[in-house]
PDB file of N, CA and C in Angstrom:
ATOM      1  N   UNK A   1      99.241 180.721 228.378  1.00  0.00           N
ATOM      2  CA  UNK A   1     100.159 180.312 227.046  1.00  0.00           C
ATOM      3  C   UNK A   1      98.962 180.369 226.194  1.00  0.00           C
ATOM      4  N   UNK A   2      99.192 180.980 224.616  1.00  0.00           N
ATOM      5  CA  UNK A   2      98.055 181.182 224.284  1.00  0.00           C
ATOM      6  C   UNK A   2      97.476 179.744 223.425  1.00  0.00           C
ATOM      7  N   UNK A   3      96.046 179.593 222.720  1.00  0.00           N
ATOM      8  CA  UNK A   3      96.062 178.713 221.803  1.00  0.00           C
ATOM      9  C   UNK A   3      96.400 178.554 220.859  1.00  0.00           C
ATOM     10  N   UNK A   4      96.174 177.750 219.745  1.00  0.00           N
ATOM     11  CA  UNK A   4      96.571 177.991 218.229  1.00  0.00           C
ATOM     12  C   UNK A   4      96.264 178.897 217.588  1.00  0.00           C
ATOM     13  N   UNK A   5      94.368 179.150 218.344  1.00  0.00           N
ATOM     14  CA  UNK A   5      94.067 180.531 216.885  1.00  0.00           C
ATOM     15  C   UNK A   5      95.106 181.911 217.787  1.00  0.00           C
ATOM     16  N   UNK A   6      95.496 182.307 217.979  1.00  0.00           N
ATOM     17  CA  UNK A   6      96.207 183.684 218.282  1.00  0.00           C
ATOM     18  C   UNK A   6      97.132 183.085 217.339  1.00  0.00           C
ATOM     19  N   UNK A   7      96.512 183.812 215.680  1.00  0.00           N
ATOM     20  CA  UNK A   7      98.035 184.436 215.176  1.00  0.00           C
ATOM     21  C   UNK A   7      97.841 186.085 214.802  1.00  0.00           C
ATOM     22  N   UNK A   8      99.292 186.406 214.549  1.00  0.00           N
ATOM     23  CA  UNK A   8      99.189 187.812 214.074  1.00  0.00           C
ATOM     24  C   UNK A   8     100.240 188.326 213.068  1.00  0.00           C
ATOM     25  N   UNK A   9      99.292 188.801 212.032  1.00  0.00           N
ATOM     26  CA  UNK A   9     100.417 189.502 211.133  1.00  0.00           C
ATOM     27  C   UNK A   9     101.870 189.668 210.568  1.00  0.00           C
ATOM     28  N   UNK A  10     102.275 189.696 210.491  1.00  0.00           N
ATOM     29  CA  UNK A  10     103.789 190.963 210.396  1.00  0.00           C
ATOM     30  C   UNK A  10     103.411 191.904 210.483  1.00  0.00           C
ATOM     31  N   UNK A  11     102.182 192.808 210.087  1.00  0.00           N
ATOM     32  CA  UNK A  11     101.900 194.288 210.181  1.00  0.00           C
ATOM     33  C   UNK A  11     101.006 194.092 211.037  1.00  0.00           C
ATOM     34  N   UNK A  12     100.609 193.533 211.852  1.00  0.00           N
ATOM     35  CA  UNK A  12     100.126 194.183 213.318  1.00  0.00           C
ATOM     36  C   UNK A  12     101.002 193.955 213.858  1.00  0.00           C
ATOM     37  N   UNK A  13     102.040 193.048 214.229  1.00  0.00           N
ATOM     38  CA  UNK A  13     103.046 192.757 214.916  1.00  0.00           C
ATOM     39  C   UNK A  13     103.644 194.514 215.159  1.00  0.00           C
ATOM     40  N   UNK A  14     104.191 195.150 213.776  1.00  0.00           N
ATOM     41  CA  UNK A  14     105.197 196.335 213.219  1.00  0.00           C
ATOM     42  C   UNK A  14     104.815 197.340 213.519  1.00  0.00           C
ATOM     43  N   UNK A  15     103.222 197.231 214.373  1.00  0.00           N
ATOM     44  CA  UNK A  15     101.826 199.048 214.939  1.00  0.00           C
ATOM     45  C   UNK A  15     102.263 199.136 216.245  1.00  0.00           C
ATOM     46  N   UNK A  16     103.141 197.982 217.235  1.00  0.00           N
ATOM     47  CA  UNK A  16     102.996 197.740 218.542  1.00  0.00           C
ATOM     48  C   UNK A  16     104.325 198.236 218.466  1.00  0.00           C
ATOM     49  N   UNK A  17     105.169 199.052 218.534  1.00  0.00           N
ATOM     50  CA  UNK A  17     106.399 199.725 218.359  1.00  0.00           C
ATOM     51  C   UNK A  17     106.999 200.618 219.380  1.00  0.00           C
ATOM     52  N   UNK A  18     106.035 200.973 220.387  1.00  0.00           N
ATOM     53  CA  UNK A  18     106.361 202.463 221.391  1.00  0.00           C
ATOM     54  C   UNK A  18     106.482 201.878 223.006  1.00  0.00           C
ATOM     55  N   UNK A  19     106.986 202.472 223.472  1.00  0.00           N
ATOM     56  CA  UNK A  19     106.958 201.747 225.312  1.00  0.00           C
ATOM     57  C   UNK A  19     106.535 201.580 225.894  1.00  0.00           C
ATOM     58  N   UNK A  20     104.715 202.364 225.170  1.00  0.00           N
ATOM     59  CA  UNK A  20     103.798 202.134 225.909  1.00  0.00           C
ATOM     60  C   UNK A  20     103.140 200.160 225.215  1.00  0.00           C
ATOM     61  N   UNK A  21     103.165 200.342 224.464  1.00  0.00           N
ATOM     62  CA  UNK A  21     102.422 199.164 223.027  1.00  0.00           C
ATOM     63  C   UNK A  21     103.612 198.782 222.868  1.00  0.00           C
ATOM     64  N   UNK A  22     104.371 197.805 223.893  1.00  0.00           N
ATOM     65  CA  UNK A  22     105.848 196.588 222.336  1.00  0.00           C
ATOM     66  C   UNK A  22     105.687 195.483 221.928  1.00  0.00           C
ATOM     67  N   UNK A  23     105.950 195.075 221.053  1.00  0.00           N
ATOM     68  CA  UNK A  23     105.520 193.673 220.643  1.00  0.00           C
ATOM     69  C   UNK A  23     106.681 192.830 220.171  1.00  0.00           C
ATOM     70  N   UNK A  24     107.608 192.025 220.480  1.00  0.00           N
ATOM     71  CA  UNK A  24     108.650 190.922 220.061  1.00  0.00           C
ATOM     72  C   UNK A  24     108.218 190.319 219.036  1.00  0.00           C
ATOM     73  N   UNK A  25     109.024 189.589 218.139  1.00  0.00           N
ATOM     74  CA  UNK A  25     108.575 188.729 217.734  1.00  0.00           C
ATOM     75  C   UNK A  25     110.280 187.779 217.971  1.00  0.00           C
ATOM     76  N   UNK A  26     109.663 186.416 218.530  1.00  0.00           N
ATOM     77  CA  UNK A  26     110.911 185.412 218.388  1.00  0.00           C
ATOM     78  C   UNK A  26     110.884 184.392 218.399  1.00  0.00           C
ATOM     79  N   UNK A  27     111.268 183.616 217.231  1.00  0.00           N
ATOM     80  CA  UNK A  27     111.525 181.885 217.006  1.00  0.00           C
ATOM     81  C   UNK A  27     109.691 182.414 216.833  1.00  0.00           C
ATOM     82  N   UNK A  28     109.013 182.380 216.012  1.00  0.00           N
ATOM     83  CA  UNK A  28     107.563 182.788 215.672  1.00  0.00           C
ATOM     84  C   UNK A  28     106.402 183.130 216.696  1.00  0.00           C
ATOM     85  N   UNK A  29     106.841 183.171 217.698  1.00  0.00           N
ATOM     86  CA  UNK A  29     106.106 183.519 218.544  1.00  0.00           C
ATOM     87  C   UNK A  29     106.340 185.294 219.101  1.00  0.00           C
ATOM     88  N   UNK A  30     105.145 185.417 219.304  1.00  0.00           N
ATOM     89  CA  UNK A  30     104.818 187.269 219.212  1.00  0.00           C
ATOM     90  C   UNK A  30     104.834 187.572 220.884  1.00  0.00           C
ATOM     91  N   UNK A  31     105.322 187.857 222.000  1.00  0.00           N
ATOM     92  CA  UNK A  31     105.289 188.507 223.417  1.00  0.00           C
ATOM     93  C   UNK A  31     105.190 190.086 223.174  1.00  0.00           C
ATOM     94  N   UNK A  32     104.362 190.125 224.234  1.00  0.00           N
ATOM     95  CA  UNK A  32     103.779 192.194 224.674  1.00  0.00           C
ATOM     96  C   UNK A  32     104.650 191.725 225.740  1.00  0.00           C
ATOM     97  N   UNK A  33     105.640 192.492 225.412  1.00  0.00           N
ATOM     98  CA  UNK A  33     106.601 192.311 226.748  1.00  0.00           C
ATOM     99  C   UNK A  33     106.615 194.505 227.119  1.00  0.00           C
ATOM    100  N   UNK A  34     105.327 195.064 226.725  1.00  0.00           N
ATOM    101  CA  UNK A  34     105.492 195.870 227.565  1.00  0.00           C
ATOM    102  C   UNK A  34     105.127 196.012 228.954  1.00  0.00           C
ATOM    103  N   UNK A  35     105.023 195.253 230.156  1.00  0.00           N
ATOM    104  CA  UNK A  35     104.834 195.591 231.148  1.00  0.00           C
ATOM    105  C   UNK A  35     106.409 194.568 231.711  1.00  0.00           C
ATOM    106  N   UNK A  36     107.401 194.365 230.992  1.00  0.00           N
ATOM    107  CA  UNK A  36     108.701 194.143 230.931  1.00  0.00           C
ATOM    108  C   UNK A  36     110.103 195.111 230.934  1.00  0.00           C
ATOM    109  N   UNK A  37     109.067 195.983 230.467  1.00  0.00           N
ATOM    110  CA  UNK A  37     110.041 196.848 229.722  1.00  0.00           C
ATOM    111  C   UNK A  37     111.207 197.038 230.982  1.00  0.00           C
ATOM    112  N   UNK A  38     110.361 197.598 232.184  1.00  0.00           N
ATOM    113  CA  UNK A  38     111.107 198.457 233.242  1.00  0.00           C
ATOM    114  C   UNK A  38     112.006 197.678 233.808  1.00  0.00           C
ATOM    115  N   UNK A  39     111.711 196.105 233.674  1.00  0.00           N
ATOM    116  CA  UNK A  39     112.410 195.000 234.504  1.00  0.00           C
ATOM    117  C   UNK A  39     113.775 194.377 234.002  1.00  0.00           C
ATOM    118  N   UNK A  40     113.775 194.383 232.491  1.00  0.00           N
ATOM    119  CA  UNK A  40     114.992 193.891 232.182  1.00  0.00           C
ATOM    120  C   UNK A  40     116.248 194.072 232.297  1.00  0.00           C
ATOM    121  N   UNK A  41     117.037 193.345 232.442  1.00  0.00           N
ATOM    122  CA  UNK A  41     118.238 193.359 233.140  1.00  0.00           C
ATOM    123  C   UNK A  41     118.920 194.555 232.476  1.00  0.00           C
ATOM    124  N   UNK A  42     119.199 194.444 230.821  1.00  0.00           N
ATOM    125  CA  UNK A  42     119.537 195.189 230.072  1.00  0.00           C
ATOM    126  C   UNK A  42     118.788 196.229 229.620  1.00  0.00           C
ATOM    127  N   UNK A  43     117.514 196.948 230.216  1.00  0.00           N
ATOM    128  CA  UNK A  43     117.354 198.255 229.645  1.00  0.00           C
ATOM    129  C   UNK A  43     116.349 198.120 228.890  1.00  0.00           C
ATOM    130  N   UNK A  44     115.421 198.806 229.138  1.00  0.00           N
ATOM    131  CA  UNK A  44     114.685 198.864 228.092  1.00  0.00           C
ATOM    132  C   UNK A  44     114.890 199.006 226.943  1.00  0.00           C
ATOM    133  N   UNK A  45     116.145 200.267 226.104  1.00  0.00           N
ATOM    134  CA  UNK A  45     116.623 200.617 225.329  1.00  0.00           C
ATOM    135  C   UNK A  45     116.683 199.141 224.590  1.00  0.00           C
ATOM    136  N   UNK A  46     117.402 198.348 224.813  1.00  0.00           N
ATOM    137  CA  UNK A  46     118.292 197.548 224.197  1.00  0.00           C
ATOM    138  C   UNK A  46     116.682 196.406 223.401  1.00  0.00           C
ATOM    139  N   UNK A  47     115.435 196.640 225.273  1.00  0.00           N
ATOM    140  CA  UNK A  47     114.200 195.932 223.456  1.00  0.00           C
ATOM    141  C   UNK A  47     113.888 196.760 222.540  1.00  0.00           C
ATOM    142  N   UNK A  48     114.006 197.757 223.239  1.00  0.00           N
ATOM    143  CA  UNK A  48     112.558 199.309 222.379  1.00  0.00           C
ATOM    144  C   UNK A  48     113.572 198.941 221.223  1.00  0.00           C
ATOM    145  N   UNK A  49     114.829 198.201 220.883  1.00  0.00           N
ATOM    146  CA  UNK A  49     115.739 198.702 219.692  1.00  0.00           C
ATOM    147  C   UNK A  49     115.113 197.033 218.635  1.00  0.00           C
ATOM    148  N   UNK A  50     114.372 196.601 219.087  1.00  0.00           N
ATOM    149  CA  UNK A  50     113.755 195.514 218.404  1.00  0.00           C
ATOM    150  C   UNK A  50     112.377 195.407 218.239  1.00  0.00           C
ATOM    151  N   UNK A  51     111.564 196.240 218.652  1.00  0.00           N
ATOM    152  CA  UNK A  51     110.344 196.449 218.686  1.00  0.00           C
ATOM    153  C   UNK A  51     109.394 196.272 217.705  1.00  0.00           C
ATOM    154  N   UNK A  52     108.183 195.293 217.423  1.00  0.00           N
ATOM    155  CA  UNK A  52     107.307 195.807 216.821  1.00  0.00           C
ATOM    156  C   UNK A  52     108.327 194.483 215.669  1.00  0.00           C
ATOM    157  N   UNK A  53     109.117 193.900 215.418  1.00  0.00           N
ATOM    158  CA  UNK A  53     109.852 193.089 214.190  1.00  0.00           C
ATOM    159  C   UNK A  53     110.534 192.351 215.600  1.00  0.00           C
ATOM    160  N   UNK A  54     111.206 191.054 213.956  1.00  0.00           N
ATOM    161  CA  UNK A  54     111.595 189.980 214.385  1.00  0.00           C
ATOM    162  C   UNK A  54     112.567 189.911 215.550  1.00  0.00           C
ATOM    163  N   UNK A  55     112.458 189.780 216.449  1.00  0.00           N
ATOM    164  CA  UNK A  55     114.086 189.921 217.436  1.00  0.00           C
ATOM    165  C   UNK A  55     114.550 188.420 217.484  1.00  0.00           C
ATOM    166  N   UNK A  56     114.258 187.404 216.841  1.00  0.00           N
ATOM    167  CA  UNK A  56     115.102 186.155 217.008  1.00  0.00           C
ATOM    168  C   UNK A  56     116.974 186.148 217.466  1.00  0.00           C
ATOM    169  N   UNK A  57     116.610 186.802 216.191  1.00  0.00           N
ATOM    170  CA  UNK A  57     118.352 186.852 215.971  1.00  0.00           C
ATOM    171  C   UNK A  57     119.433 188.380 217.336  1.00  0.00           C
ATOM    172  N   UNK A  58     118.670 188.786 217.896  1.00  0.00           N
ATOM    173  CA  UNK A  58     119.383 189.617 218.831  1.00  0.00           C
ATOM    174  C   UNK A  58     118.965 188.811 220.043  1.00  0.00           C
ATOM    175  N   UNK A  59     117.974 187.914 220.204  1.00  0.00           N
ATOM    176  CA  UNK A  59     118.010 187.158 221.344  1.00  0.00           C
ATOM    177  C   UNK A  59     118.735 186.765 221.445  1.00  0.00           C
ATOM    178  N   UNK A  60     119.186 185.496 221.064  1.00  0.00           N
ATOM    179  CA  UNK A  60     119.577 183.980 220.722  1.00  0.00           C
ATOM    180  C   UNK A  60     121.266 184.980 221.007  1.00  0.00           C
ATOM    181  N   UNK A  61     121.826 186.130 220.424  1.00  0.00           N
ATOM    182  CA  UNK A  61     123.267 186.728 220.345  1.00  0.00           C
ATOM    183  C   UNK A  61     123.362 186.874 221.577  1.00  0.00           C
ATOM    184  N   UNK A  62     122.045 187.343 222.894  1.00  0.00           N
ATOM    185  CA  UNK A  62     122.398 187.903 223.640  1.00  0.00           C
ATOM    186  C   UNK A  62     122.241 186.623 225.298  1.00  0.00           C
ATOM    187  N   UNK A  63     122.829 185.809 224.045  1.00  0.00           N
ATOM    188  CA  UNK A  63     122.254 184.521 225.211  1.00  0.00           C
ATOM    189  C   UNK A  63     121.550 184.232 226.468  1.00  0.00           C
ATOM    190  N   UNK A  64     120.841 184.396 226.391  1.00  0.00           N
ATOM    191  CA  UNK A  64     119.388 184.737 227.531  1.00  0.00           C
ATOM    192  C   UNK A  64     119.410 183.436 228.184  1.00  0.00           C
ATOM    193  N   UNK A  65     119.579 182.837 229.563  1.00  0.00           N
ATOM    194  CA  UNK A  65     119.601 181.803 230.262  1.00  0.00           C
ATOM    195  C   UNK A  65     118.049 180.848 230.334  1.00  0.00           C
ATOM    196  N   UNK A  66     118.052 179.787 230.656  1.00  0.00           N
ATOM    197  CA  UNK A  66     117.154 178.627 230.853  1.00  0.00           C
ATOM    198  C   UNK A  66     116.004 179.592 231.734  1.00  0.00           C
ATOM    199  N   UNK A  67     116.377 180.611 232.441  1.00  0.00           N
ATOM    200  CA  UNK A  67     115.092 181.343 232.906  1.00  0.00           C
ATOM    201  C   UNK A  67     114.600 182.770 232.774  1.00  0.00           C
ATOM    202  N   UNK A  68     115.464 182.813 231.865  1.00  0.00           N
ATOM    203  CA  UNK A  68     114.865 183.917 230.888  1.00  0.00           C
ATOM    204  C   UNK A  68     114.209 183.830 229.787  1.00  0.00           C
ATOM    205  N   UNK A  69     114.508 182.027 229.736  1.00  0.00           N
ATOM    206  CA  UNK A  69     113.490 181.693 228.634  1.00  0.00           C
ATOM    207  C   UNK A  69     112.019 181.565 228.705  1.00  0.00           C
ATOM    208  N   UNK A  70     112.346 181.244 230.192  1.00  0.00           N
ATOM    209  CA  UNK A  70     111.004 180.275 230.894  1.00  0.00           C
ATOM    210  C   UNK A  70     110.144 181.841 231.259  1.00  0.00           C
ATOM    211  N   UNK A  71     110.395 182.590 231.781  1.00  0.00           N
ATOM    212  CA  UNK A  71     110.111 184.171 232.509  1.00  0.00           C
ATOM    213  C   UNK A  71     109.591 184.875 231.228  1.00  0.00           C
ATOM    214  N   UNK A  72     110.041 184.417 229.889  1.00  0.00           N
ATOM    215  CA  UNK A  72     108.848 184.995 228.430  1.00  0.00           C
ATOM    216  C   UNK A  72     107.720 184.156 227.944  1.00  0.00           C
ATOM    217  N   UNK A  73     107.526 183.417 228.500  1.00  0.00           N
ATOM    218  CA  UNK A  73     106.892 182.746 228.740  1.00  0.00           C
ATOM    219  C   UNK A  73     105.557 183.200 228.647  1.00  0.00           C
ATOM    220  N   UNK A  74     105.511 183.985 229.910  1.00  0.00           N
ATOM    221  CA  UNK A  74     104.362 184.634 230.864  1.00  0.00           C
ATOM    222  C   UNK A  74     103.751 185.695 229.290  1.00  0.00           C
ATOM    223  N   UNK A  75     104.697 185.755 228.780  1.00  0.00           N
ATOM    224  CA  UNK A  75     104.395 187.665 228.403  1.00  0.00           C
ATOM    225  C   UNK A  75     103.951 187.277 226.666  1.00  0.00           C
ATOM    226  N   UNK A  76     103.443 185.890 226.219  1.00  0.00           N
ATOM    227  CA  UNK A  76     103.672 185.017 225.050  1.00  0.00           C
ATOM    228  C   UNK A  76     102.133 185.044 224.708  1.00  0.00           C
ATOM    229  N   UNK A  77     101.786 185.687 223.389  1.00  0.00           N
ATOM    230  CA  UNK A  77     100.190 186.401 223.002  1.00  0.00           C
ATOM    231  C   UNK A  77      99.940 185.744 222.538  1.00  0.00           C
ATOM    232  N   UNK A  78     100.649 184.793 221.631  1.00  0.00           N
ATOM    233  CA  UNK A  78     100.522 184.171 220.607  1.00  0.00           C
ATOM    234  C   UNK A  78     101.803 183.972 219.571  1.00  0.00           C
ATOM    235  N   UNK A  79     101.184 183.536 218.314  1.00  0.00           N
ATOM    236  CA  UNK A  79     102.269 183.752 216.938  1.00  0.00           C
ATOM    237  C   UNK A  79     102.236 183.710 215.431  1.00  0.00           C
ATOM    238  N   UNK A  80     103.417 184.255 214.788  1.00  0.00           N
ATOM    239  CA  UNK A  80     103.231 185.434 213.782  1.00  0.00           C
ATOM    240  C   UNK A  80     102.486 183.795 212.784  1.00  0.00           C
ATOM    241  N   UNK A  81     101.553 184.941 212.139  1.00  0.00           N
ATOM    242  CA  UNK A  81     100.684 184.015 210.392  1.00  0.00           C
ATOM    243  C   UNK A  81     102.181 184.368 209.502  1.00  0.00           C
ATOM    244  N   UNK A  82     102.836 183.102 209.141  1.00  0.00           N
ATOM    245  CA  UNK A  82     103.742 182.687 208.542  1.00  0.00           C
ATOM    246  C   UNK A  82     102.741 182.801 207.293  1.00  0.00           C
ATOM    247  N   UNK A  83     101.702 182.179 206.688  1.00  0.00           N
ATOM    248  CA  UNK A  83     100.638 182.205 205.869  1.00  0.00           C
ATOM    249  C   UNK A  83     100.674 183.474 205.034  1.00  0.00           C
ATOM    250  N   UNK A  84     100.178 184.467 205.642  1.00  0.00           N
ATOM    251  CA  UNK A  84     100.061 186.016 205.277  1.00  0.00           C
ATOM    252  C   UNK A  84     101.202 186.546 204.513  1.00  0.00           C
ATOM    253  N   UNK A  85     102.107 186.220 204.903  1.00  0.00           N
ATOM    254  CA  UNK A  85     103.770 187.002 204.484  1.00  0.00           C
ATOM    255  C   UNK A  85     104.683 186.172 204.720  1.00  0.00           C
ATOM    256  N   UNK A  86     105.778 186.801 203.750  1.00  0.00           N
ATOM    257  CA  UNK A  86     106.998 185.907 203.497  1.00  0.00           C
ATOM    258  C   UNK A  86     108.160 186.178 204.398  1.00  0.00           C
ATOM    259  N   UNK A  87     108.831 186.098 205.044  1.00  0.00           N
ATOM    260  CA  UNK A  87     109.725 187.250 206.355  1.00  0.00           C
ATOM    261  C   UNK A  87     110.975 187.255 205.266  1.00  0.00           C
ATOM    262  N   UNK A  88     111.001 188.876 205.488  1.00  0.00           N
ATOM    263  CA  UNK A  88     112.605 189.123 204.994  1.00  0.00           C
ATOM    264  C   UNK A  88     113.862 189.254 205.851  1.00  0.00           C
ATOM    265  N   UNK A  89     113.496 188.257 206.753  1.00  0.00           N
ATOM    266  CA  UNK A  89     115.260 188.113 207.298  1.00  0.00           C
ATOM    267  C   UNK A  89     115.966 187.206 206.512  1.00  0.00           C
ATOM    268  N   UNK A  90     117.193 188.399 206.846  1.00  0.00           N
ATOM    269  CA  UNK A  90     118.356 187.388 205.992  1.00  0.00           C
ATOM    270  C   UNK A  90     119.718 187.624 206.525  1.00  0.00           C
ATOM    271  N   UNK A  91     120.319 187.193 206.149  1.00  0.00           N
ATOM    272  CA  UNK A  91     121.503 186.510 206.970  1.00  0.00           C
ATOM    273  C   UNK A  91     122.487 187.829 206.188  1.00  0.00           C
ATOM    274  N   UNK A  92     123.493 187.681 206.782  1.00  0.00           N
ATOM    275  CA  UNK A  92     124.640 188.824 206.020  1.00  0.00           C
ATOM    276  C   UNK A  92     125.414 188.350 205.016  1.00  0.00           C
ATOM    277  N   UNK A  93     124.685 187.028 205.147  1.00  0.00           N
ATOM    278  CA  UNK A  93     126.048 186.783 203.680  1.00  0.00           C
ATOM    279  C   UNK A  93     125.028 186.761 203.017  1.00  0.00           C
ATOM    280  N   UNK A  94     123.884 186.852 202.717  1.00  0.00           N
ATOM    281  CA  UNK A  94     122.582 186.687 201.561  1.00  0.00           C
ATOM    282  C   UNK A  94     122.040 188.071 201.428  1.00  0.00           C
ATOM    283  N   UNK A  95     122.605 188.916 202.726  1.00  0.00           N
ATOM    284  CA  UNK A  95     122.417 190.638 201.891  1.00  0.00           C
ATOM    285  C   UNK A  95     123.732 191.178 200.954  1.00  0.00           C
ATOM    286  N   UNK A  96     124.816 190.460 201.865  1.00  0.00           N
ATOM    287  CA  UNK A  96     125.724 190.686 200.403  1.00  0.00           C
ATOM    288  C   UNK A  96     125.893 190.183 199.503  1.00  0.00           C
ATOM    289  N   UNK A  97     125.790 189.574 199.338  1.00  0.00           N
ATOM    290  CA  UNK A  97     125.658 188.156 197.647  1.00  0.00           C
ATOM    291  C   UNK A  97     124.114 188.881 196.925  1.00  0.00           C
ATOM    292  N   UNK A  98     122.928 189.452 197.804  1.00  0.00           N
ATOM    293  CA  UNK A  98     122.431 190.201 196.744  1.00  0.00           C
ATOM    294  C   UNK A  98     123.035 192.136 196.425  1.00  0.00           C
ATOM    295  N   UNK A  99     124.040 192.331 197.450  1.00  0.00           N
ATOM    296  CA  UNK A  99     124.177 193.157 196.943  1.00  0.00           C
ATOM    297  C   UNK A  99     125.568 193.505 195.871  1.00  0.00           C
ATOM    298  N   UNK A 100     125.837 191.942 195.642  1.00  0.00           N
ATOM    299  CA  UNK A 100     126.695 192.041 194.798  1.00  0.00           C
ATOM    300  C   UNK A 100     126.455 191.821 193.513  1.00  0.00           C
ATOM    301  N   UNK A 101     125.567 190.928 193.408  1.00  0.00           N
ATOM    302  CA  UNK A 101     124.428 190.934 192.095  1.00  0.00           C
ATOM    303  C   UNK A 101     124.498 191.878 191.912  1.00  0.00           C
ATOM    304  N   UNK A 102     123.421 192.787 192.358  1.00  0.00           N
ATOM    305  CA  UNK A 102     122.298 194.714 192.011  1.00  0.00           C
ATOM    306  C   UNK A 102     123.610 194.948 191.617  1.00  0.00           C
ATOM    307  N   UNK A 103     125.329 195.664 192.000  1.00  0.00           N
ATOM    308  CA  UNK A 103     126.060 196.365 191.972  1.00  0.00           C
ATOM    309  C   UNK A 103     127.308 195.566 191.658  1.00  0.00           C
ATOM    310  N   UNK A 104     127.106 194.807 190.923  1.00  0.00           N
ATOM    311  CA  UNK A 104     128.734 194.249 189.867  1.00  0.00           C
ATOM    312  C   UNK A 104     129.078 194.794 189.340  1.00  0.00           C
ATOM    313  N   UNK A 105     128.853 195.824 188.992  1.00  0.00           N
ATOM    314  CA  UNK A 105     129.488 196.813 187.970  1.00  0.00           C
ATOM    315  C   UNK A 105     130.601 198.174 188.692  1.00  0.00           C
ATOM    316  N   UNK A 106     130.070 197.974 189.578  1.00  0.00           N
ATOM    317  CA  UNK A 106     131.031 199.057 190.096  1.00  0.00           C
ATOM    318  C   UNK A 106     132.318 198.858 190.245  1.00  0.00           C
ATOM    319  N   UNK A 107     132.690 197.236 190.846  1.00  0.00           N
ATOM    320  CA  UNK A 107     134.492 196.542 191.082  1.00  0.00           C
ATOM    321  C   UNK A 107     134.678 197.101 189.367  1.00  0.00           C
ATOM    322  N   UNK A 108     133.645 196.411 188.822  1.00  0.00           N
ATOM    323  CA  UNK A 108     134.325 196.238 187.094  1.00  0.00           C
ATOM    324  C   UNK A 108     134.994 196.839 187.011  1.00  0.00           C
ATOM    325  N   UNK A 109     134.121 198.533 186.815  1.00  0.00           N
ATOM    326  CA  UNK A 109     134.487 200.018 186.775  1.00  0.00           C
ATOM    327  C   UNK A 109     135.900 200.688 187.646  1.00  0.00           C
ATOM    328  N   UNK A 110     136.003 200.391 188.526  1.00  0.00           N
ATOM    329  CA  UNK A 110     137.376 200.761 189.672  1.00  0.00           C
ATOM    330  C   UNK A 110     138.088 199.632 188.759  1.00  0.00           C
ATOM    331  N   UNK A 111     138.058 198.454 188.419  1.00  0.00           N
ATOM    332  CA  UNK A 111     138.814 197.659 188.198  1.00  0.00           C
ATOM    333  C   UNK A 111     139.368 198.277 186.595  1.00  0.00           C
ATOM    334  N   UNK A 112     138.606 198.152 185.258  1.00  0.00           N
ATOM    335  CA  UNK A 112     139.233 198.731 184.377  1.00  0.00           C
ATOM    336  C   UNK A 112     139.716 200.838 184.407  1.00  0.00           C
ATOM    337  N   UNK A 113     139.172 201.142 184.976  1.00  0.00           N
ATOM    338  CA  UNK A 113     139.930 202.270 185.801  1.00  0.00           C
ATOM    339  C   UNK A 113     141.186 202.488 185.252  1.00  0.00           C
ATOM    340  N   UNK A 114     141.486 201.511 186.588  1.00  0.00           N
ATOM    341  CA  UNK A 114     142.616 201.767 187.096  1.00  0.00           C
ATOM    342  C   UNK A 114     143.522 201.263 186.047  1.00  0.00           C
ATOM    343  N   UNK A 115     143.070 200.014 185.086  1.00  0.00           N
ATOM    344  CA  UNK A 115     143.928 199.387 184.026  1.00  0.00           C
ATOM    345  C   UNK A 115     143.403 200.842 183.228  1.00  0.00           C
ATOM    346  N   UNK A 116     142.874 201.614 182.926  1.00  0.00           N
ATOM    347  CA  UNK A 116     143.624 202.438 181.615  1.00  0.00           C
ATOM    348  C   UNK A 116     144.661 203.444 181.970  1.00  0.00           C
ATOM    349  N   UNK A 117     144.662 203.884 183.953  1.00  0.00           N
ATOM    350  CA  UNK A 117     145.031 204.433 184.043  1.00  0.00           C
ATOM    351  C   UNK A 117     146.830 203.825 184.085  1.00  0.00           C
ATOM    352  N   UNK A 118     146.685 203.399 184.782  1.00  0.00           N
ATOM    353  CA  UNK A 118     148.218 202.325 184.792  1.00  0.00           C
ATOM    354  C   UNK A 118     148.668 202.181 183.352  1.00  0.00           C
ATOM    355  N   UNK A 119     147.844 202.218 182.352  1.00  0.00           N
ATOM    356  CA  UNK A 119     148.511 202.173 180.885  1.00  0.00           C
ATOM    357  C   UNK A 119     148.431 203.093 180.630  1.00  0.00           C
ATOM    358  N   UNK A 120     148.119 204.323 180.537  1.00  0.00           N
ATOM    359  CA  UNK A 120     148.311 205.779 180.937  1.00  0.00           C
ATOM    360  C   UNK A 120     149.584 206.231 181.537  1.00  0.00           C
ATOM    361  N   UNK A 121     149.403 205.729 183.014  1.00  0.00           N
ATOM    362  CA  UNK A 121     150.894 206.597 183.121  1.00  0.00           C
ATOM    363  C   UNK A 121     152.243 205.037 182.555  1.00  0.00           C
ATOM    364  N   UNK A 122     151.879 204.407 182.336  1.00  0.00           N
ATOM    365  CA  UNK A 122     152.965 203.646 181.856  1.00  0.00           C
ATOM    366  C   UNK A 122     153.435 203.919 180.069  1.00  0.00           C
ATOM    367  N   UNK A 123     152.697 204.380 180.230  1.00  0.00           N
ATOM    368  CA  UNK A 123     152.826 204.860 178.683  1.00  0.00           C
ATOM    369  C   UNK A 123     153.250 206.127 177.981  1.00  0.00           C
ATOM    370  N   UNK A 124     152.937 207.146 179.391  1.00  0.00           N
ATOM    371  CA  UNK A 124     154.349 208.023 179.277  1.00  0.00           C
ATOM    372  C   UNK A 124     155.742 207.965 179.704  1.00  0.00           C
ATOM    373  N   UNK A 125     156.074 207.436 180.288  1.00  0.00           N
ATOM    374  CA  UNK A 125     157.065 207.172 181.054  1.00  0.00           C
ATOM    375  C   UNK A 125     157.995 206.446 179.779  1.00  0.00           C
TER     376      UNK A 125
END
């Protein structure tokens, strides 16, 4: 188990994103899972899809067993340094709200055009 001094920046984590050098982040801890890729029951592509970034959501969604959680401790190399960067992880609802605020004019424009077309259609009758 790493000591409290083993901290990694998110930028450093993101550089370890290949099959030959594979790091993931789960619950704030950094894991070097390069040696485990071939042994993963779900296949290496599942891990490779989340390598070099925060894989907490994908890990939790997979419903890993207690023994899997214990096994992963041997691959823990440190923790993520949260003081140097802000987490960019957002939930789906937060992303939706952000997009809605950014593109509010699209549905308003569609509704406006629909009203105008409906008015012109009814006027011609």
